[in-house]
Amino acid sequence: YVTDVLAFDYCEGSELSAEVFICQSEVEKNAKELSQSIENETLRVLCHALFHLCGYKDKTDKDQALMRTKEDGAISSFKTTHK
């Protein structure tokens, strides 16, 4: 099935190492459906992949809420520091 982001985890110990692939057409479709800018949605899926690599899950409602909070914080931080 089509997905917006895939992450291949090569982490060892505390070293973060991975490949992240973003399907831009899927991101653009999701952005439109969610009334988000393409930039925001691209940042969200990238952050989502990185948080998965750091051990965050999103299978339960509670985990999804935490993941969304982390994504929102990262996006906000990015926009504050990279104008």
N, C-alpha and C. Protein backbone atom coordinates (compact mmCIF):
# COMPACT_ATOMS: atom_id res chain seq x y z
N TYR A 1 0.84 -1.18 0.00
CA TYR A 1 0.00 0.00 0.00
C TYR A 1 0.87 1.23 0.00
N VAL A 2 0.31 2.32 -0.43
CA VAL A 2 1.05 3.60 -0.48
C VAL A 2 1.09 4.19 0.91
N THR A 3 2.23 4.73 1.27
CA THR A 3 2.37 5.42 2.55
C THR A 3 3.14 6.72 2.33
N ASP A 4 3.04 7.61 3.28
CA ASP A 4 3.70 8.91 3.13
C ASP A 4 5.17 8.87 3.50
N VAL A 5 5.56 7.97 4.41
CA VAL A 5 6.95 7.92 4.85
C VAL A 5 7.33 6.50 5.27
N LEU A 6 8.55 6.13 4.94
CA LEU A 6 9.14 4.87 5.38
C LEU A 6 10.49 5.17 6.00
N ALA A 7 10.78 4.50 7.10
CA ALA A 7 12.08 4.67 7.74
C ALA A 7 12.71 3.30 7.91
N PHE A 8 13.96 3.20 7.49
CA PHE A 8 14.72 1.97 7.68
C PHE A 8 15.73 2.24 8.79
N ASP A 9 15.54 1.54 9.87
CA ASP A 9 16.29 1.76 11.11
C ASP A 9 17.60 0.98 11.10
N TYR A 10 18.71 1.72 11.15
CA TYR A 10 20.03 1.11 11.25
C TYR A 10 20.70 1.50 12.57
N CYS A 11 19.91 1.93 13.53
CA CYS A 11 20.44 2.41 14.81
C CYS A 11 21.16 1.28 15.55
N GLU A 12 22.25 1.67 16.19
CA GLU A 12 22.99 0.75 17.05
C GLU A 12 23.32 1.50 18.33
N GLY A 13 22.89 0.93 19.45
CA GLY A 13 23.11 1.59 20.72
C GLY A 13 22.43 2.93 20.75
N SER A 14 23.17 3.98 21.09
CA SER A 14 22.59 5.32 21.16
C SER A 14 22.81 6.11 19.87
N GLU A 15 23.39 5.48 18.84
CA GLU A 15 23.63 6.16 17.57
C GLU A 15 22.41 6.07 16.67
N LEU A 16 21.92 7.23 16.24
CA LEU A 16 20.78 7.30 15.35
C LEU A 16 21.28 7.18 13.91
N SER A 17 20.85 6.14 13.22
CA SER A 17 21.25 5.92 11.85
C SER A 17 20.08 5.30 11.10
N ALA A 18 19.69 5.92 9.99
CA ALA A 18 18.52 5.43 9.27
C ALA A 18 18.47 6.05 7.88
N GLU A 19 17.62 5.46 7.05
CA GLU A 19 17.23 6.06 5.79
C GLU A 19 15.74 6.34 5.90
N VAL A 20 15.35 7.54 5.48
CA VAL A 20 13.95 7.94 5.51
C VAL A 20 13.55 8.32 4.09
N PHE A 21 12.46 7.70 3.62
CA PHE A 21 11.94 7.98 2.29
C PHE A 21 10.55 8.58 2.42
N ILE A 22 10.36 9.72 1.78
CA ILE A 22 9.09 10.42 1.82
C ILE A 22 8.46 10.38 0.43
N CYS A 23 7.21 9.97 0.37
CA CYS A 23 6.45 9.99 -0.88
C CYS A 23 5.77 11.35 -0.97
N GLN A 24 6.37 12.25 -1.72
CA GLN A 24 5.89 13.63 -1.75
C GLN A 24 4.47 13.74 -2.29
N SER A 25 4.11 12.90 -3.26
CA SER A 25 2.74 12.98 -3.79
C SER A 25 1.72 12.59 -2.73
N GLU A 26 2.07 11.63 -1.88
CA GLU A 26 1.17 11.24 -0.79
C GLU A 26 1.10 12.33 0.27
N VAL A 27 2.23 12.96 0.55
CA VAL A 27 2.27 14.07 1.51
C VAL A 27 1.39 15.21 1.00
N GLU A 28 1.49 15.51 -0.27
CA GLU A 28 0.69 16.60 -0.86
C GLU A 28 -0.80 16.27 -0.80
N LYS A 29 -1.15 15.02 -1.06
CA LYS A 29 -2.54 14.59 -0.98
C LYS A 29 -3.05 14.72 0.46
N ASN A 30 -2.24 14.25 1.42
CA ASN A 30 -2.63 14.36 2.84
C ASN A 30 -2.74 15.80 3.28
N ALA A 31 -1.83 16.64 2.83
CA ALA A 31 -1.87 18.06 3.21
C ALA A 31 -3.19 18.68 2.77
N LYS A 32 -3.58 18.37 1.56
CA LYS A 32 -4.84 18.91 1.04
C LYS A 32 -6.02 18.40 1.87
N GLU A 33 -6.05 17.09 2.14
CA GLU A 33 -7.15 16.50 2.91
C GLU A 33 -7.22 17.03 4.34
N LEU A 34 -6.05 17.35 4.91
CA LEU A 34 -5.98 17.81 6.30
C LEU A 34 -5.92 19.32 6.43
N SER A 35 -6.06 20.03 5.31
CA SER A 35 -6.00 21.49 5.28
C SER A 35 -4.70 22.01 5.91
N GLN A 36 -3.60 21.39 5.53
CA GLN A 36 -2.28 21.78 6.00
C GLN A 36 -1.44 22.26 4.82
N SER A 37 -0.43 23.04 5.10
CA SER A 37 0.50 23.39 4.03
C SER A 37 1.35 22.15 3.71
N ILE A 38 1.86 22.11 2.51
CA ILE A 38 2.73 20.99 2.12
C ILE A 38 3.98 21.00 2.99
N GLU A 39 4.48 22.18 3.31
CA GLU A 39 5.66 22.28 4.18
C GLU A 39 5.38 21.66 5.54
N ASN A 40 4.25 22.01 6.15
CA ASN A 40 3.90 21.45 7.47
C ASN A 40 3.78 19.94 7.42
N GLU A 41 3.11 19.43 6.39
CA GLU A 41 2.90 17.99 6.31
C GLU A 41 4.21 17.26 6.05
N THR A 42 5.09 17.85 5.24
CA THR A 42 6.40 17.24 5.01
C THR A 42 7.21 17.20 6.30
N LEU A 43 7.21 18.31 7.03
CA LEU A 43 7.90 18.32 8.32
C LEU A 43 7.31 17.30 9.28
N ARG A 44 5.97 17.18 9.28
CA ARG A 44 5.32 16.24 10.19
C ARG A 44 5.75 14.80 9.91
N VAL A 45 5.75 14.39 8.64
CA VAL A 45 6.11 13.00 8.36
C VAL A 45 7.58 12.74 8.63
N LEU A 46 8.43 13.73 8.38
CA LEU A 46 9.85 13.57 8.71
C LEU A 46 10.03 13.43 10.22
N CYS A 47 9.39 14.30 10.98
CA CYS A 47 9.46 14.22 12.44
C CYS A 47 8.88 12.90 12.93
N HIS A 48 7.79 12.47 12.33
CA HIS A 48 7.14 11.22 12.70
C HIS A 48 8.14 10.06 12.56
N ALA A 49 8.82 10.01 11.44
CA ALA A 49 9.81 8.95 11.22
C ALA A 49 10.94 9.03 12.26
N LEU A 50 11.43 10.23 12.50
CA LEU A 50 12.52 10.40 13.46
C LEU A 50 12.09 10.00 14.87
N PHE A 51 10.87 10.34 15.27
CA PHE A 51 10.40 9.94 16.59
C PHE A 51 10.24 8.43 16.70
N HIS A 52 9.81 7.78 15.62
CA HIS A 52 9.77 6.31 15.63
C HIS A 52 11.17 5.75 15.86
N LEU A 53 12.15 6.34 15.18
CA LEU A 53 13.53 5.87 15.34
C LEU A 53 14.05 6.08 16.76
N CYS A 54 13.48 7.05 17.45
CA CYS A 54 13.87 7.33 18.84
C CYS A 54 13.05 6.50 19.83
N GLY A 55 12.18 5.62 19.32
CA GLY A 55 11.46 4.70 20.19
C GLY A 55 10.01 5.01 20.45
N TYR A 56 9.50 6.11 19.92
CA TYR A 56 8.09 6.43 20.13
C TYR A 56 7.22 5.55 19.25
N LYS A 57 6.08 5.16 19.77
CA LYS A 57 5.13 4.30 19.06
C LYS A 57 3.86 5.09 18.76
N ASP A 58 2.99 4.50 17.93
CA ASP A 58 1.73 5.17 17.62
C ASP A 58 0.59 4.17 17.38
N LYS A 59 0.65 3.05 18.07
CA LYS A 59 -0.38 2.02 17.89
C LYS A 59 -1.64 2.29 18.71
N THR A 60 -1.49 2.87 19.88
CA THR A 60 -2.65 3.15 20.74
C THR A 60 -3.04 4.62 20.64
N ASP A 61 -4.25 4.93 21.07
CA ASP A 61 -4.69 6.34 21.07
C ASP A 61 -3.75 7.20 21.91
N LYS A 62 -3.34 6.67 23.06
CA LYS A 62 -2.43 7.41 23.95
C LYS A 62 -1.09 7.66 23.26
N ASP A 63 -0.55 6.63 22.61
CA ASP A 63 0.72 6.78 21.89
C ASP A 63 0.58 7.75 20.73
N GLN A 64 -0.54 7.70 20.03
CA GLN A 64 -0.77 8.61 18.91
C GLN A 64 -0.83 10.06 19.39
N ALA A 65 -1.47 10.27 20.53
CA ALA A 65 -1.57 11.63 21.08
C ALA A 65 -0.19 12.16 21.46
N LEU A 66 0.63 11.30 22.07
CA LEU A 66 1.98 11.71 22.44
C LEU A 66 2.80 12.00 21.18
N MET A 67 2.69 11.15 20.18
CA MET A 67 3.42 11.35 18.93
C MET A 67 3.01 12.68 18.29
N ARG A 68 1.73 12.97 18.26
CA ARG A 68 1.25 14.23 17.67
C ARG A 68 1.80 15.43 18.45
N THR A 69 1.83 15.33 19.77
CA THR A 69 2.38 16.41 20.59
C THR A 69 3.86 16.62 20.27
N LYS A 70 4.60 15.52 20.15
CA LYS A 70 6.03 15.62 19.81
C LYS A 70 6.21 16.25 18.43
N GLU A 71 5.40 15.80 17.45
CA GLU A 71 5.47 16.35 16.10
C GLU A 71 5.18 17.85 16.10
N ASP A 72 4.09 18.23 16.79
CA ASP A 72 3.72 19.65 16.85
C ASP A 72 4.82 20.49 17.47
N GLY A 73 5.44 19.99 18.52
CA GLY A 73 6.54 20.71 19.16
C GLY A 73 7.74 20.87 18.24
N ALA A 74 8.06 19.81 17.53
CA ALA A 74 9.20 19.87 16.60
C ALA A 74 8.92 20.84 15.46
N ILE A 75 7.72 20.80 14.91
CA ILE A 75 7.36 21.71 13.82
C ILE A 75 7.40 23.15 14.30
N SER A 76 6.86 23.39 15.48
CA SER A 76 6.87 24.73 16.05
C SER A 76 8.30 25.23 16.25
N SER A 77 9.15 24.37 16.76
CA SER A 77 10.55 24.72 16.99
C SER A 77 11.25 25.03 15.67
N PHE A 78 10.99 24.22 14.66
CA PHE A 78 11.61 24.42 13.36
C PHE A 78 11.20 25.77 12.78
N LYS A 79 9.93 26.09 12.86
CA LYS A 79 9.43 27.34 12.31
C LYS A 79 9.96 28.55 13.08
N THR A 80 10.22 28.38 14.36
CA THR A 80 10.74 29.47 15.18
C THR A 80 12.20 29.75 14.86
N THR A 81 12.97 28.69 14.60
CA THR A 81 14.40 28.85 14.39
C THR A 81 14.81 28.98 12.93
N HIS A 82 13.93 28.63 12.00
CA HIS A 82 14.26 28.63 10.57
C HIS A 82 13.24 29.43 9.78
N LYS A 83 13.26 30.73 9.94
CA LYS A 83 12.31 31.59 9.24
C LYS A 83 12.83 31.97 7.88
